[in-house]
C-alpha cells in the first residue's frame, strides 16, 4: 500500500511506493532518465503511467486517471518551453495612499 506523508506546512505529499528492481532494469531506467533529463523517480512515474494507459487501452476499459494525465501533459509542455528573456526590467507596481 502506498504511504502518504505530510510536508512541513501540513499539506499531504503525493503517495510514495517502494519498488525493488533488478540491477539491469535499474541501469536501463537510469539511462532513460538521463536521456530525457529527468530524475530516475520521475522517469519511473512516466513509464508506469504509459504502461497503465496501454493496459487500459488493450483491455478496452476507460482510463479513470485522465485528469492526472492531462495535468502531467500540461506540466511537461510548460517544462519543455524555451526560456525567454525579458526585453526590459519588469515594471514595478506603485500603490498610492488615499489622502485623508
N, C-alpha and C. Protein backbone atom coordinates (compact mmCIF):
# COMPACT_ATOMS: atom_id res chain seq x y z
N UNK A 1 0.84 -1.18 0.00
CA UNK A 1 0.00 0.00 0.00
C UNK A 1 0.89 1.24 0.00
N UNK A 2 0.51 2.25 -0.75
CA UNK A 2 1.27 3.48 -0.82
C UNK A 2 1.15 4.24 0.50
N UNK A 3 2.25 4.84 0.92
CA UNK A 3 2.22 5.63 2.14
C UNK A 3 2.14 7.11 1.78
N UNK A 4 1.50 7.87 2.63
CA UNK A 4 1.35 9.31 2.39
C UNK A 4 1.93 10.03 3.59
N UNK A 5 2.81 11.00 3.31
CA UNK A 5 3.42 11.79 4.36
C UNK A 5 2.89 13.21 4.28
N UNK A 6 3.13 13.98 5.31
CA UNK A 6 2.77 15.39 5.31
C UNK A 6 4.03 16.23 5.18
N UNK A 7 3.93 17.34 4.45
CA UNK A 7 5.06 18.23 4.32
C UNK A 7 5.16 19.10 5.57
N UNK A 8 6.19 19.92 5.63
CA UNK A 8 6.40 20.74 6.82
C UNK A 8 5.27 21.75 7.04
N UNK A 9 4.57 22.11 5.97
CA UNK A 9 3.46 23.05 6.15
C UNK A 9 2.13 22.33 6.43
N UNK A 10 2.16 21.04 6.55
CA UNK A 10 0.97 20.28 6.91
C UNK A 10 0.18 19.71 5.75
N UNK A 11 0.50 20.12 4.52
CA UNK A 11 -0.23 19.60 3.37
C UNK A 11 0.25 18.19 3.06
N UNK A 12 -0.65 17.31 2.62
CA UNK A 12 -0.23 15.94 2.32
C UNK A 12 0.62 15.88 1.05
N UNK A 13 1.67 15.07 1.10
CA UNK A 13 2.51 14.85 -0.08
C UNK A 13 1.87 13.77 -0.95
N UNK A 14 2.38 13.62 -2.16
CA UNK A 14 1.90 12.56 -3.04
C UNK A 14 2.23 11.20 -2.42
N UNK A 15 1.41 10.18 -2.71
CA UNK A 15 1.68 8.85 -2.16
C UNK A 15 3.04 8.33 -2.63
N UNK A 16 3.72 7.58 -1.77
CA UNK A 16 5.03 7.01 -2.07
C UNK A 16 4.93 5.49 -2.10
N UNK A 17 5.66 4.88 -3.03
CA UNK A 17 5.78 3.43 -3.05
C UNK A 17 7.25 3.06 -3.12
N UNK A 18 7.56 1.86 -2.74
CA UNK A 18 8.93 1.38 -2.82
C UNK A 18 8.95 0.15 -3.73
N UNK A 19 9.88 0.14 -4.68
CA UNK A 19 9.96 -0.93 -5.66
C UNK A 19 11.38 -1.48 -5.66
N UNK A 20 11.51 -2.79 -5.70
CA UNK A 20 12.82 -3.43 -5.80
C UNK A 20 13.00 -3.87 -7.25
N UNK A 21 14.07 -3.38 -7.90
CA UNK A 21 14.34 -3.67 -9.30
C UNK A 21 15.61 -4.48 -9.46
N UNK A 22 15.66 -5.35 -10.46
CA UNK A 22 16.92 -6.00 -10.79
C UNK A 22 17.94 -4.94 -11.27
N UNK A 23 19.20 -5.23 -11.10
CA UNK A 23 20.27 -4.28 -11.45
C UNK A 23 20.16 -3.79 -12.90
N UNK A 24 19.90 -4.71 -13.84
CA UNK A 24 19.84 -4.35 -15.25
C UNK A 24 18.71 -3.35 -15.52
N UNK A 25 17.53 -3.60 -14.96
CA UNK A 25 16.40 -2.70 -15.17
C UNK A 25 16.70 -1.33 -14.54
N UNK A 26 17.33 -1.32 -13.39
CA UNK A 26 17.68 -0.06 -12.75
C UNK A 26 18.66 0.74 -13.62
N UNK A 27 19.63 0.07 -14.21
CA UNK A 27 20.59 0.74 -15.10
C UNK A 27 19.88 1.29 -16.34
N UNK A 28 18.96 0.50 -16.91
CA UNK A 28 18.21 0.95 -18.08
C UNK A 28 17.33 2.15 -17.74
N UNK A 29 16.69 2.11 -16.58
CA UNK A 29 15.85 3.21 -16.14
C UNK A 29 16.68 4.48 -15.94
N UNK A 30 17.86 4.33 -15.36
CA UNK A 30 18.75 5.47 -15.16
C UNK A 30 19.20 6.06 -16.50
N UNK A 31 19.51 5.20 -17.46
CA UNK A 31 19.92 5.67 -18.79
C UNK A 31 18.79 6.42 -19.49
N UNK A 32 17.57 5.88 -19.40
CA UNK A 32 16.41 6.57 -19.99
C UNK A 32 16.19 7.93 -19.33
N UNK A 33 16.31 7.97 -18.02
CA UNK A 33 16.12 9.24 -17.30
C UNK A 33 17.16 10.26 -17.72
N UNK A 34 18.40 9.84 -17.87
CA UNK A 34 19.46 10.75 -18.30
C UNK A 34 19.21 11.26 -19.72
N UNK A 35 18.75 10.39 -20.60
CA UNK A 35 18.46 10.79 -21.98
C UNK A 35 17.37 11.85 -22.06
N UNK A 36 16.41 11.80 -21.15
CA UNK A 36 15.29 12.74 -21.18
C UNK A 36 15.43 13.85 -20.13
N UNK A 37 16.60 13.94 -19.52
CA UNK A 37 16.87 14.97 -18.49
C UNK A 37 15.81 14.94 -17.38
N UNK A 38 15.54 13.75 -16.90
CA UNK A 38 14.58 13.57 -15.81
C UNK A 38 15.29 12.90 -14.64
N UNK A 39 14.64 12.94 -13.50
CA UNK A 39 15.13 12.14 -12.38
C UNK A 39 14.71 10.69 -12.62
N UNK A 40 15.37 9.78 -11.96
CA UNK A 40 15.02 8.36 -12.11
C UNK A 40 13.60 8.13 -11.61
N UNK A 41 13.25 8.78 -10.51
CA UNK A 41 11.91 8.65 -9.95
C UNK A 41 10.84 9.15 -10.92
N UNK A 42 11.09 10.31 -11.53
CA UNK A 42 10.13 10.87 -12.48
C UNK A 42 10.02 9.99 -13.72
N UNK A 43 11.15 9.44 -14.19
CA UNK A 43 11.12 8.57 -15.36
C UNK A 43 10.30 7.31 -15.05
N UNK A 44 10.47 6.77 -13.85
CA UNK A 44 9.69 5.59 -13.45
C UNK A 44 8.21 5.92 -13.43
N UNK A 45 7.86 7.11 -12.94
CA UNK A 45 6.45 7.54 -12.91
C UNK A 45 5.88 7.61 -14.32
N UNK A 46 6.65 8.22 -15.24
CA UNK A 46 6.18 8.36 -16.62
C UNK A 46 5.97 6.99 -17.25
N UNK A 47 6.92 6.09 -17.08
CA UNK A 47 6.80 4.75 -17.66
C UNK A 47 5.63 3.97 -17.07
N UNK A 48 5.41 4.14 -15.78
CA UNK A 48 4.27 3.47 -15.14
C UNK A 48 2.96 4.02 -15.69
N UNK A 49 2.87 5.36 -15.85
CA UNK A 49 1.66 5.96 -16.41
C UNK A 49 1.40 5.45 -17.83
N UNK A 50 2.45 5.40 -18.65
CA UNK A 50 2.29 4.91 -20.02
C UNK A 50 1.86 3.45 -20.03
N UNK A 51 2.45 2.66 -19.16
CA UNK A 51 2.08 1.24 -19.08
C UNK A 51 0.63 1.05 -18.66
N UNK A 52 0.18 1.82 -17.69
CA UNK A 52 -1.21 1.74 -17.24
C UNK A 52 -2.15 2.15 -18.36
N UNK A 53 -1.79 3.23 -19.06
CA UNK A 53 -2.64 3.70 -20.17
C UNK A 53 -2.74 2.64 -21.26
N UNK A 54 -1.61 2.02 -21.63
CA UNK A 54 -1.64 0.97 -22.65
C UNK A 54 -2.45 -0.23 -22.19
N UNK A 55 -2.35 -0.57 -20.92
CA UNK A 55 -3.09 -1.70 -20.38
C UNK A 55 -4.60 -1.45 -20.53
N UNK A 56 -5.05 -0.26 -20.13
CA UNK A 56 -6.48 0.04 -20.21
C UNK A 56 -6.94 0.11 -21.66
N UNK A 57 -6.10 0.63 -22.55
CA UNK A 57 -6.47 0.67 -23.97
C UNK A 57 -6.59 -0.75 -24.52
N UNK A 58 -5.67 -1.62 -24.14
CA UNK A 58 -5.70 -3.01 -24.61
C UNK A 58 -6.93 -3.74 -24.09
N UNK A 59 -7.29 -3.48 -22.84
CA UNK A 59 -8.44 -4.12 -22.23
C UNK A 59 -9.75 -3.49 -22.67
N UNK A 60 -9.67 -2.33 -23.32
CA UNK A 60 -10.88 -1.64 -23.76
C UNK A 60 -11.66 -1.02 -22.63
N UNK A 61 -10.99 -0.75 -21.53
CA UNK A 61 -11.66 -0.13 -20.39
C UNK A 61 -11.34 1.35 -20.36
N UNK A 62 -12.20 2.10 -19.68
CA UNK A 62 -11.95 3.54 -19.59
C UNK A 62 -10.83 3.80 -18.59
N UNK A 63 -10.08 4.81 -18.87
CA UNK A 63 -8.97 5.18 -18.02
C UNK A 63 -9.48 6.18 -16.99
N UNK A 64 -9.41 5.84 -15.72
CA UNK A 64 -10.01 6.68 -14.70
C UNK A 64 -9.08 7.78 -14.22
N UNK A 65 -7.85 7.85 -14.76
CA UNK A 65 -6.91 8.87 -14.32
C UNK A 65 -6.63 9.88 -15.42
N UNK A 66 -7.61 10.14 -16.28
CA UNK A 66 -7.44 11.10 -17.37
C UNK A 66 -7.05 12.48 -16.88
N UNK A 67 -7.64 12.92 -15.76
CA UNK A 67 -7.35 14.26 -15.25
C UNK A 67 -5.88 14.39 -14.88
N UNK A 68 -5.31 13.38 -14.23
CA UNK A 68 -3.89 13.43 -13.86
C UNK A 68 -3.01 13.43 -15.10
N UNK A 69 -3.39 12.66 -16.13
CA UNK A 69 -2.59 12.63 -17.34
C UNK A 69 -2.62 13.98 -18.03
N UNK A 70 -3.80 14.63 -18.05
CA UNK A 70 -3.88 15.95 -18.66
C UNK A 70 -3.01 16.94 -17.90
N UNK A 71 -3.01 16.85 -16.59
CA UNK A 71 -2.16 17.74 -15.78
C UNK A 71 -0.69 17.48 -16.08
N UNK A 72 -0.32 16.22 -16.18
CA UNK A 72 1.08 15.89 -16.45
C UNK A 72 1.49 16.34 -17.85
N UNK A 73 0.59 16.21 -18.83
CA UNK A 73 0.90 16.68 -20.18
C UNK A 73 1.10 18.19 -20.19
N UNK A 74 0.22 18.90 -19.47
CA UNK A 74 0.34 20.35 -19.38
C UNK A 74 1.66 20.74 -18.73
N UNK A 75 2.01 20.06 -17.64
CA UNK A 75 3.27 20.34 -16.93
C UNK A 75 4.47 20.05 -17.83
N UNK A 76 4.42 18.95 -18.57
CA UNK A 76 5.51 18.60 -19.48
C UNK A 76 5.67 19.66 -20.57
N UNK A 77 4.55 20.16 -21.11
CA UNK A 77 4.63 21.19 -22.14
C UNK A 77 5.26 22.46 -21.58
N UNK A 78 4.88 22.82 -20.36
CA UNK A 78 5.47 24.00 -19.75
C UNK A 78 6.97 23.82 -19.52
N UNK A 79 7.36 22.64 -19.06
CA UNK A 79 8.78 22.38 -18.79
C UNK A 79 9.60 22.36 -20.08
N UNK A 80 8.99 21.98 -21.19
CA UNK A 80 9.71 21.90 -22.46
C UNK A 80 9.79 23.23 -23.20
N UNK A 81 9.07 24.24 -22.73
CA UNK A 81 9.12 25.54 -23.39
C UNK A 81 10.50 26.15 -23.22
N UNK A 82 10.91 26.90 -24.24
CA UNK A 82 12.21 27.57 -24.14
C UNK A 82 12.10 28.75 -23.19
N UNK A 83 13.23 29.08 -22.59
CA UNK A 83 13.28 30.20 -21.67
C UNK A 83 13.41 31.48 -22.48
N UNK A 84 12.55 32.43 -22.24
CA UNK A 84 12.60 33.70 -22.95
C UNK A 84 13.03 34.80 -21.99
N UNK A 85 13.93 35.62 -22.46
CA UNK A 85 14.41 36.74 -21.66
C UNK A 85 13.45 37.93 -21.81
N UNK A 86 13.33 38.68 -20.74
CA UNK A 86 12.51 39.88 -20.81
C UNK A 86 13.27 40.95 -21.58
N UNK A 87 12.56 41.76 -22.35
CA UNK A 87 13.20 42.82 -23.13
C UNK A 87 13.62 43.99 -22.25
N UNK A 88 12.88 44.21 -21.18
CA UNK A 88 13.22 45.28 -20.26
C UNK A 88 12.85 44.81 -18.86
N UNK A 89 13.35 45.48 -17.85
CA UNK A 89 13.00 45.04 -16.49
C UNK A 89 11.50 45.17 -16.24
N UNK A 90 10.96 44.30 -15.41
CA UNK A 90 9.53 44.39 -15.13
C UNK A 90 9.19 45.72 -14.46
N UNK A 91 8.04 46.24 -14.78
CA UNK A 91 7.62 47.49 -14.17
C UNK A 91 7.12 47.23 -12.77
N UNK A 92 7.45 48.13 -11.90
CA UNK A 92 7.01 47.99 -10.52
C UNK A 92 5.63 48.59 -10.37
N UNK A 93 4.85 47.97 -9.57
CA UNK A 93 3.51 48.47 -9.30
C UNK A 93 3.63 49.40 -8.09
N UNK A 94 3.13 50.60 -8.23
CA UNK A 94 3.19 51.56 -7.15
C UNK A 94 1.79 51.75 -6.58
N UNK A 95 1.71 51.65 -5.31
CA UNK A 95 0.45 51.86 -4.62
C UNK A 95 0.49 53.21 -3.93
N UNK A 96 -0.53 54.01 -4.16
CA UNK A 96 -0.59 55.33 -3.53
C UNK A 96 -1.64 55.29 -2.45
N UNK A 97 -1.29 55.92 -1.36
CA UNK A 97 -2.26 56.01 -0.26
C UNK A 97 -3.26 57.11 -0.57
N UNK A 98 -4.47 56.88 -0.23
CA UNK A 98 -5.50 57.91 -0.42
C UNK A 98 -5.28 59.01 0.62
N UNK A 99 -5.36 60.24 0.14
CA UNK A 99 -5.22 61.33 1.12
C UNK A 99 -6.40 61.33 2.10
N UNK A 100 -6.08 61.55 3.33
CA UNK A 100 -7.14 61.52 4.35
C UNK A 100 -7.59 62.89 4.74
